[in-house]
Amino acid sequence: MGSTDSKSPKQPPAANRPEPGRKRSRSTAVTIRDVAEKSGFSSATVSIVLNNAPLARYIPDTTKTRIQRAASQLGYRPNLFARSLRSQRSHTVGIMVSDMTDPYCTLVLRGMENSLYQSSFLPILTDVHNERSRFERYLEMLLDRRIEGLVVLANWLFLDINVLADIEKSKIPTAIVGCELKNDHISSLIVDNAQGARAALEHLISLGHRKIAFIRGPRQLSDTEPRWRGVRAVAREHDLSIDPKLIVDLPESRDPFSSFEDGFKLTEELLHRRRPFTALMAFDDMTAFGAIRALAKAGVRVPEQCSVIGFDDIAPAALYSPALTTVRQPMEAMGTAAAAIVVETINAGLEKKPVRAIHRKLVPDLIVRESTRSLK
């Protein structure tokens, strides 16, 4: 008889057959059935354990350990997309930042990320470049990805009524950081700008300064009006006369670093007006840095001849020369609180509890360093 080798089904070479217990190649996804085969338990039991289903509490810990060990050895990863379709949950929160290059954003984002991490939510970060059209497009993309919540860092006033209406229509838990709202459906967090400005001006007055120059914020920025309101309140309380010739306004700009250049130019303008001043209150730290540079160029020593105070307490403030006296915004705390509010609102909705927007105003701190000193 002839050989039967040609009629027998060919077996793959031993080198090409996966060994028991070995991880599969990345091109082949490990399934629950594979984990069941390796662990010796049914696919139903494995599914309950790996998905942490309610019935998992009835399964012995030894069984769970064997299943989890088998899944780890095989490199099993759950199909989160399929799981989200079944559960109608994505465990993701969208974060929309007005401008990622703004130093103000860094610590706020850190607070958001840490809070979401602790709650097992994945942040999806977008930078809208202060553009309305980009904001609308990213909002659509985030909603298409079935985010469960949204945090918007809106330090520039691009959040007009129509944009807020777009967010409200989405009906997902949302918190806005840096914009004061009176809304029953969208939460908001903001620093008490008026209180921060009060602290800054009261500090200068306590040092004996009466001739004070002011670089105010852009007129369209939401922080500008409350800070100036705080300044005027303190001026009235201390019978301080504010010279209109010692007031200049930052131009509206979408570039956060332009405030350094603007602070430099506006301080030069103040000096050219030849109205003497012994202190300068800048809208933010970057503006204060520019002001100090302009004063140095003009031969005015800080703080010996002119005290300078900023607002924000961004990272370079403590490293600048002289180290900047400023008002510290609790930026990381704002980010943490905003993310926590969104997560709490998500959970309340899942538990069918009544949900209302939360509005918080955080108190800033005066940080006294080297750029201010007593006239005496």
Protein backbone atom coordinates (compact mmCIF):
# COMPACT_ATOMS: atom_id res chain seq x y z
CA MET A 1 0.00 0.00 0.00
CA GLY A 2 1.12 3.51 -0.69
CA SER A 3 1.82 6.04 1.96
CA THR A 4 -1.22 7.75 3.52
CA ASP A 5 0.70 10.94 4.41
CA SER A 6 -0.81 12.85 1.49
CA LYS A 7 -4.35 12.07 2.68
CA SER A 8 -3.84 12.84 6.38
CA PRO A 9 -4.59 16.37 7.61
CA LYS A 10 -1.35 18.23 8.12
CA GLN A 11 -0.55 19.38 11.65
CA PRO A 12 1.22 22.70 12.07
CA PRO A 13 4.83 22.42 13.14
CA ALA A 14 5.25 22.26 16.89
CA ALA A 15 7.05 25.61 16.84
CA ASN A 16 3.94 27.28 15.39
CA ARG A 17 1.44 25.80 17.84
CA PRO A 18 0.75 27.95 20.90
CA GLU A 19 1.95 26.29 24.07
CA PRO A 20 -0.56 25.88 26.89
CA GLY A 21 -0.54 28.95 29.12
CA ARG A 22 1.41 31.14 26.68
CA LYS A 23 0.07 34.58 25.76
CA ARG A 24 -1.31 34.91 22.28
CA SER A 25 0.11 37.25 19.71
CA ARG A 26 -1.24 40.77 19.78
CA SER A 27 -3.10 40.13 16.56
CA THR A 28 -5.38 37.60 18.30
CA ALA A 29 -7.45 38.89 21.19
CA VAL A 30 -7.76 36.67 24.25
CA THR A 31 -11.40 35.87 24.96
CA ILE A 32 -13.35 34.88 28.05
CA ARG A 33 -13.57 31.38 26.57
CA ASP A 34 -9.75 31.20 26.56
CA VAL A 35 -9.62 32.25 30.21
CA ALA A 36 -12.31 29.67 31.05
CA GLU A 37 -10.33 26.91 29.34
CA LYS A 38 -7.13 27.79 31.18
CA SER A 39 -8.71 28.32 34.60
CA GLY A 40 -11.01 25.29 34.43
CA PHE A 41 -14.20 27.20 35.11
CA SER A 42 -17.21 27.88 32.91
CA SER A 43 -17.35 30.91 30.64
CA ALA A 44 -20.33 32.20 32.64
CA THR A 45 -18.37 32.11 35.92
CA VAL A 46 -15.34 33.75 34.31
CA SER A 47 -17.53 36.49 32.83
CA ILE A 48 -19.12 37.23 36.22
CA VAL A 49 -15.70 37.51 37.90
CA LEU A 50 -13.92 39.55 35.23
CA ASN A 51 -16.84 41.95 34.82
CA ASN A 52 -17.28 42.24 38.59
CA ALA A 53 -20.99 41.53 38.12
CA PRO A 54 -23.34 41.59 41.14
CA LEU A 55 -23.29 37.77 41.30
CA ALA A 56 -19.51 37.89 41.87
CA ARG A 57 -20.09 38.29 45.60
CA TYR A 58 -21.34 34.67 45.72
CA ILE A 59 -18.18 33.26 44.11
CA PRO A 60 -15.40 32.03 46.47
CA ASP A 61 -12.25 34.14 46.66
CA THR A 62 -10.11 31.15 45.66
CA THR A 63 -12.10 30.82 42.43
CA LYS A 64 -11.75 34.54 41.71
CA THR A 65 -8.00 34.36 42.30
CA ARG A 66 -7.56 31.43 39.88
CA ILE A 67 -9.61 33.16 37.20
CA GLN A 68 -7.79 36.48 37.61
CA ARG A 69 -4.40 34.74 37.55
CA ALA A 70 -5.33 32.91 34.35
CA ALA A 71 -6.53 36.15 32.76
CA SER A 72 -3.27 37.87 33.69
CA GLN A 73 -1.13 35.03 32.32
CA LEU A 74 -3.01 35.08 29.02
CA GLY A 75 -2.92 38.88 28.78
CA TYR A 76 -6.70 39.18 28.77
CA ARG A 77 -8.05 42.71 28.32
CA PRO A 78 -11.80 43.39 28.54
CA ASN A 79 -13.52 44.88 25.51
CA LEU A 80 -14.50 48.19 27.05
CA PHE A 81 -16.39 49.29 23.94
CA ALA A 82 -18.62 46.21 24.06
CA ARG A 83 -19.01 46.59 27.81
CA SER A 84 -20.07 50.24 27.44
CA LEU A 85 -22.67 49.27 24.85
CA ARG A 86 -24.17 46.76 27.28
CA SER A 87 -24.02 49.00 30.34
CA GLN A 88 -24.68 52.31 28.53
CA ARG A 89 -21.67 53.70 30.41
CA SER A 90 -18.27 54.86 29.14
CA HIS A 91 -16.58 55.98 32.40
CA THR A 92 -15.12 58.94 30.50
CA VAL A 93 -15.31 62.67 31.24
CA GLY A 94 -14.56 65.30 28.62
CA ILE A 95 -12.30 68.22 29.56
CA MET A 96 -12.39 71.32 27.36
CA VAL A 97 -9.61 73.86 27.90
CA SER A 98 -9.74 77.32 26.37
CA ASP A 99 -5.95 77.46 25.79
CA MET A 100 -3.53 74.76 26.88
CA THR A 101 -0.55 77.13 26.81
CA ASP A 102 -2.02 79.33 29.55
CA PRO A 103 0.06 78.78 32.74
CA TYR A 104 -3.20 79.13 34.69
CA CYS A 105 -4.41 75.82 33.24
CA THR A 106 -1.63 73.51 34.42
CA LEU A 107 -2.57 73.14 38.09
CA VAL A 108 -6.30 73.20 37.35
CA LEU A 109 -5.84 70.26 34.98
CA ARG A 110 -3.74 68.43 37.54
CA GLY A 111 -6.54 68.70 40.08
CA MET A 112 -9.11 67.47 37.55
CA GLU A 113 -6.98 64.52 36.45
CA ASN A 114 -6.20 63.38 39.98
CA SER A 115 -9.84 63.56 41.04
CA LEU A 116 -11.04 61.61 37.99
CA TYR A 117 -8.30 59.01 38.45
CA GLN A 118 -9.39 58.36 42.02
CA SER A 119 -12.97 57.89 40.77
CA SER A 120 -11.89 55.52 37.93
CA PHE A 121 -12.95 57.90 35.17
CA LEU A 122 -10.82 58.46 32.07
CA PRO A 123 -10.37 62.13 31.06
CA ILE A 124 -10.55 63.06 27.37
CA LEU A 125 -8.70 66.37 26.98
CA THR A 126 -9.38 68.93 24.23
CA ASP A 127 -7.89 72.39 23.59
CA VAL A 128 -10.34 74.72 21.85
CA HIS A 129 -7.79 77.53 21.22
CA ASN A 130 -10.37 80.11 22.33
CA GLU A 131 -12.30 79.44 19.11
CA ARG A 132 -16.08 79.10 19.12
CA SER A 133 -16.13 76.82 16.06
CA ARG A 134 -13.51 74.49 17.56
CA PHE A 135 -15.45 74.41 20.83
CA GLU A 136 -18.64 73.36 19.02
CA ARG A 137 -16.85 70.67 16.99
CA TYR A 138 -15.07 69.19 19.98
CA LEU A 139 -18.30 69.19 21.97
CA GLU A 140 -19.97 67.16 19.20
CA MET A 141 -17.03 64.73 19.10
CA LEU A 142 -17.07 64.25 22.87
CA LEU A 143 -20.81 63.64 22.90
CA ASP A 144 -20.44 61.15 20.03
CA ARG A 145 -17.98 59.25 22.24
CA ARG A 146 -20.66 59.00 24.92
CA ILE A 147 -18.84 60.91 27.66
CA GLU A 148 -20.67 60.77 30.98
CA GLY A 149 -19.65 64.23 32.16
CA LEU A 150 -17.96 67.44 31.03
CA VAL A 151 -15.61 69.95 32.67
CA VAL A 152 -14.91 73.24 30.86
CA LEU A 153 -12.00 75.47 31.83
CA ALA A 154 -13.21 78.83 30.54
CA ASN A 155 -10.82 81.56 31.55
CA TRP A 156 -11.77 83.62 28.49
CA LEU A 157 -15.35 84.65 27.86
CA PHE A 158 -16.12 82.45 24.88
CA LEU A 159 -18.98 80.86 26.83
CA ASP A 160 -21.79 83.00 25.53
CA ILE A 161 -25.47 82.19 25.96
CA ASN A 162 -25.66 80.02 22.83
CA VAL A 163 -22.70 77.87 23.85
CA LEU A 164 -24.20 77.34 27.30
CA ALA A 165 -27.45 76.35 25.63
CA ASP A 166 -25.56 73.78 23.54
CA ILE A 167 -24.09 72.27 26.70
CA GLU A 168 -27.43 72.34 28.50
CA LYS A 169 -29.11 70.50 25.61
CA SER A 170 -26.63 67.64 25.98
CA LYS A 171 -28.10 66.94 29.45
CA ILE A 172 -24.82 65.56 30.77
CA PRO A 173 -23.37 66.64 34.14
CA THR A 174 -21.20 69.70 33.50
CA ALA A 175 -19.02 72.03 35.56
CA ILE A 176 -17.54 75.30 34.29
CA VAL A 177 -14.31 76.51 35.92
CA GLY A 178 -13.50 80.22 35.77
CA CYS A 179 -16.94 81.55 34.87
CA GLU A 180 -19.59 82.56 37.39
CA LEU A 181 -23.00 81.17 36.46
CA LYS A 182 -26.51 81.33 37.84
CA ASN A 183 -27.85 78.21 36.20
CA ASP A 184 -29.95 75.35 37.56
CA HIS A 185 -28.39 72.75 35.26
CA ILE A 186 -24.69 73.66 34.84
CA SER A 187 -22.39 73.82 37.87
CA SER A 188 -19.65 76.44 38.17
CA LEU A 189 -16.52 77.13 40.20
CA ILE A 190 -14.66 80.40 40.38
CA VAL A 191 -12.21 82.14 42.65
CA ASP A 192 -13.56 85.11 44.62
CA ASN A 193 -11.94 87.71 42.37
CA ALA A 194 -13.30 90.66 44.33
CA GLN A 195 -11.86 89.28 47.58
CA GLY A 196 -8.51 88.62 45.92
CA ALA A 197 -8.29 92.19 44.61
CA ARG A 198 -9.26 93.50 48.05
CA ALA A 199 -6.42 91.54 49.65
CA ALA A 200 -3.91 92.85 47.10
CA LEU A 201 -4.84 96.52 47.49
CA GLU A 202 -5.16 96.32 51.28
CA HIS A 203 -1.63 94.89 51.36
CA LEU A 204 -0.26 97.88 49.40
CA ILE A 205 -2.16 100.36 51.57
CA SER A 206 -0.87 98.66 54.74
CA LEU A 207 2.66 99.31 53.46
CA GLY A 208 1.89 103.02 53.22
CA HIS A 209 1.26 103.27 49.48
CA ARG A 210 -1.30 105.87 48.35
CA LYS A 211 -0.13 106.62 44.82
CA ILE A 212 -0.93 103.34 43.11
CA ALA A 213 -1.04 102.51 39.40
CA PHE A 214 -3.40 99.83 38.07
CA ILE A 215 -3.18 97.57 35.03
CA ARG A 216 -6.71 96.21 34.69
CA GLY A 217 -7.73 93.13 32.75
CA PRO A 218 -9.32 93.04 29.28
CA ARG A 219 -12.85 94.42 29.32
CA GLN A 220 -14.33 91.22 27.85
CA LEU A 221 -12.74 88.93 30.44
CA SER A 222 -15.09 87.75 33.18
CA ASP A 223 -12.50 88.24 35.96
CA THR A 224 -11.92 91.93 35.20
CA GLU A 225 -15.12 93.47 36.56
CA PRO A 226 -15.21 91.73 39.98
CA ARG A 227 -11.53 92.48 40.61
CA TRP A 228 -12.03 96.17 39.84
CA ARG A 229 -15.14 96.15 42.01
CA GLY A 230 -12.99 94.89 44.90
CA VAL A 231 -10.43 97.63 44.25
CA ARG A 232 -13.04 100.38 44.32
CA ALA A 233 -14.57 99.02 47.53
CA VAL A 234 -11.21 99.10 49.34
CA ALA A 235 -10.46 102.57 47.96
CA ARG A 236 -13.73 103.87 49.43
CA GLU A 237 -13.09 102.24 52.79
CA HIS A 238 -9.60 103.77 53.05
CA ASP A 239 -10.47 107.11 51.44
CA LEU A 240 -7.95 106.35 48.70
CA SER A 241 -8.10 108.52 45.60
CA ILE A 242 -7.53 106.56 42.38
CA ASP A 243 -5.95 108.73 39.69
CA PRO A 244 -7.56 108.00 36.29
CA LYS A 245 -4.19 108.78 34.69
CA LEU A 246 -2.74 105.80 36.57
CA ILE A 247 -5.23 103.30 35.13
CA VAL A 248 -4.55 101.32 31.94
CA ASP A 249 -6.36 98.32 30.46
CA LEU A 250 -4.92 95.18 28.93
CA PRO A 251 -6.10 94.69 25.33
CA GLU A 252 -8.19 91.66 24.51
CA SER A 253 -5.92 88.87 23.33
CA ARG A 254 -6.25 85.13 22.84
CA ASP A 255 -2.55 84.60 23.55
CA PRO A 256 -1.98 84.14 27.31
CA PHE A 257 1.70 85.06 26.96
CA SER A 258 0.89 88.41 25.34
CA SER A 259 0.16 89.82 28.80
CA PHE A 260 3.91 89.96 29.50
CA GLU A 261 4.50 92.17 26.46
CA ASP A 262 1.35 94.17 27.19
CA GLY A 263 2.42 94.66 30.82
CA PHE A 264 5.76 95.97 29.61
CA LYS A 265 4.21 98.40 27.12
CA LEU A 266 1.47 99.63 29.47
CA THR A 267 3.98 100.28 32.26
CA GLU A 268 6.09 102.30 29.85
CA GLU A 269 2.94 104.26 29.00
CA LEU A 270 2.27 104.91 32.70
CA LEU A 271 5.83 106.16 33.16
CA HIS A 272 5.53 108.45 30.14
CA ARG A 273 2.44 110.09 31.68
CA ARG A 274 4.74 111.46 34.40
CA ARG A 275 2.28 110.82 37.20
CA PRO A 276 4.37 109.52 40.13
CA PHE A 277 3.36 106.20 41.70
CA THR A 278 5.02 104.09 44.39
CA ALA A 279 3.16 100.84 43.73
CA LEU A 280 1.64 99.00 40.78
CA MET A 281 -1.17 96.45 40.94
CA ALA A 282 -1.15 94.17 37.89
CA PHE A 283 -4.09 92.12 36.63
CA ASP A 284 -2.10 88.87 36.67
CA ASP A 285 1.41 87.54 37.22
CA MET A 286 2.48 87.63 33.57
CA THR A 287 1.48 91.29 33.39
CA ALA A 288 3.41 91.94 36.61
CA PHE A 289 6.53 90.33 35.11
CA GLY A 290 6.29 92.67 32.13
CA ALA A 291 5.77 95.66 34.43
CA ILE A 292 8.87 94.81 36.48
CA ARG A 293 10.91 94.53 33.28
CA ALA A 294 9.71 97.95 32.09
CA LEU A 295 10.45 99.54 35.47
CA ALA A 296 13.95 98.06 35.44
CA LYS A 297 14.55 99.41 31.94
CA ALA A 298 13.53 102.87 33.18
CA GLY A 299 15.91 102.61 36.13
CA VAL A 300 13.13 102.15 38.71
CA ARG A 301 14.13 99.56 41.31
CA VAL A 302 11.54 97.02 42.55
CA PRO A 303 10.64 97.08 45.40
CA GLU A 304 12.94 99.89 46.63
CA GLN A 305 11.29 102.56 44.45
CA CYS A 306 8.09 100.82 43.34
CA SER A 307 6.23 97.83 44.77
CA VAL A 308 4.56 95.43 42.31
CA ILE A 309 1.85 92.86 43.05
CA GLY A 310 0.31 90.27 40.71
CA PHE A 311 -2.56 87.79 40.73
CA ASP A 312 -2.63 83.98 40.16
CA ASP A 313 0.66 82.73 41.69
CA ILE A 314 1.73 80.77 38.63
CA ALA A 315 4.86 78.62 39.00
CA PRO A 316 7.46 81.25 37.91
CA ALA A 317 6.20 83.81 40.46
CA ALA A 318 8.33 82.41 43.28
CA LEU A 319 11.38 82.10 40.98
CA TYR A 320 11.24 85.58 39.45
CA SER A 321 13.69 88.28 40.54
CA PRO A 322 12.47 89.78 42.74
CA ALA A 323 10.14 86.96 43.83
CA LEU A 324 6.62 88.20 43.12
CA THR A 325 4.10 89.13 45.77
CA THR A 326 0.78 87.93 44.40
CA VAL A 327 -2.70 86.61 45.10
CA ARG A 328 -2.78 82.82 44.88
CA GLN A 329 -5.73 81.26 43.13
CA PRO A 330 -6.45 77.76 44.51
CA MET A 331 -6.13 76.36 41.00
CA GLU A 332 -5.54 72.69 41.80
CA ALA A 333 -8.37 72.78 44.35
CA MET A 334 -10.70 74.25 41.71
CA GLY A 335 -9.85 71.45 39.29
CA THR A 336 -10.32 68.81 41.98
CA ALA A 337 -13.66 70.26 43.06
CA ALA A 338 -14.96 70.61 39.50
CA ALA A 339 -14.22 66.98 38.63
CA ALA A 340 -15.67 65.81 41.96
CA ILE A 341 -18.90 67.73 41.33
CA VAL A 342 -19.27 66.11 37.90
CA VAL A 343 -18.63 62.61 39.29
CA GLU A 344 -21.06 63.18 42.16
CA THR A 345 -23.70 64.38 39.70
CA ILE A 346 -23.13 61.33 37.47
CA ASN A 347 -23.55 58.99 40.44
CA ALA A 348 -26.63 60.83 41.69
CA GLY A 349 -28.24 60.42 38.28
CA LEU A 350 -27.49 56.69 38.24
CA GLU A 351 -29.11 56.38 41.67
CA LYS A 352 -32.16 58.36 40.47
CA LYS A 353 -31.51 61.07 43.04
CA PRO A 354 -32.56 64.70 42.41
CA VAL A 355 -29.75 66.71 40.84
CA ARG A 356 -29.18 70.47 41.01
CA ALA A 357 -26.27 72.54 39.83
CA ILE A 358 -23.62 73.46 42.39
CA HIS A 359 -22.00 76.90 42.40
CA ARG A 360 -18.87 77.48 44.48
CA LYS A 361 -16.62 80.49 45.00
CA LEU A 362 -13.18 79.67 46.42
CA VAL A 363 -11.21 82.15 48.53
CA PRO A 364 -7.73 83.18 47.27
CA ASP A 365 -4.67 83.76 49.49
CA LEU A 366 -2.25 86.69 49.61
CA ILE A 367 1.34 85.47 49.11
CA VAL A 368 3.86 88.08 50.25
CA ARG A 369 7.32 87.79 48.71
CA GLU A 370 10.02 90.28 47.68
CA SER A 371 8.37 92.60 45.13
CA THR A 372 6.53 94.72 47.72
CA ARG A 373 7.88 96.66 50.68
CA SER A 374 6.93 99.42 53.10
CA LEU A 375 7.46 103.03 52.10
CA LYS A 376 9.03 103.58 55.50
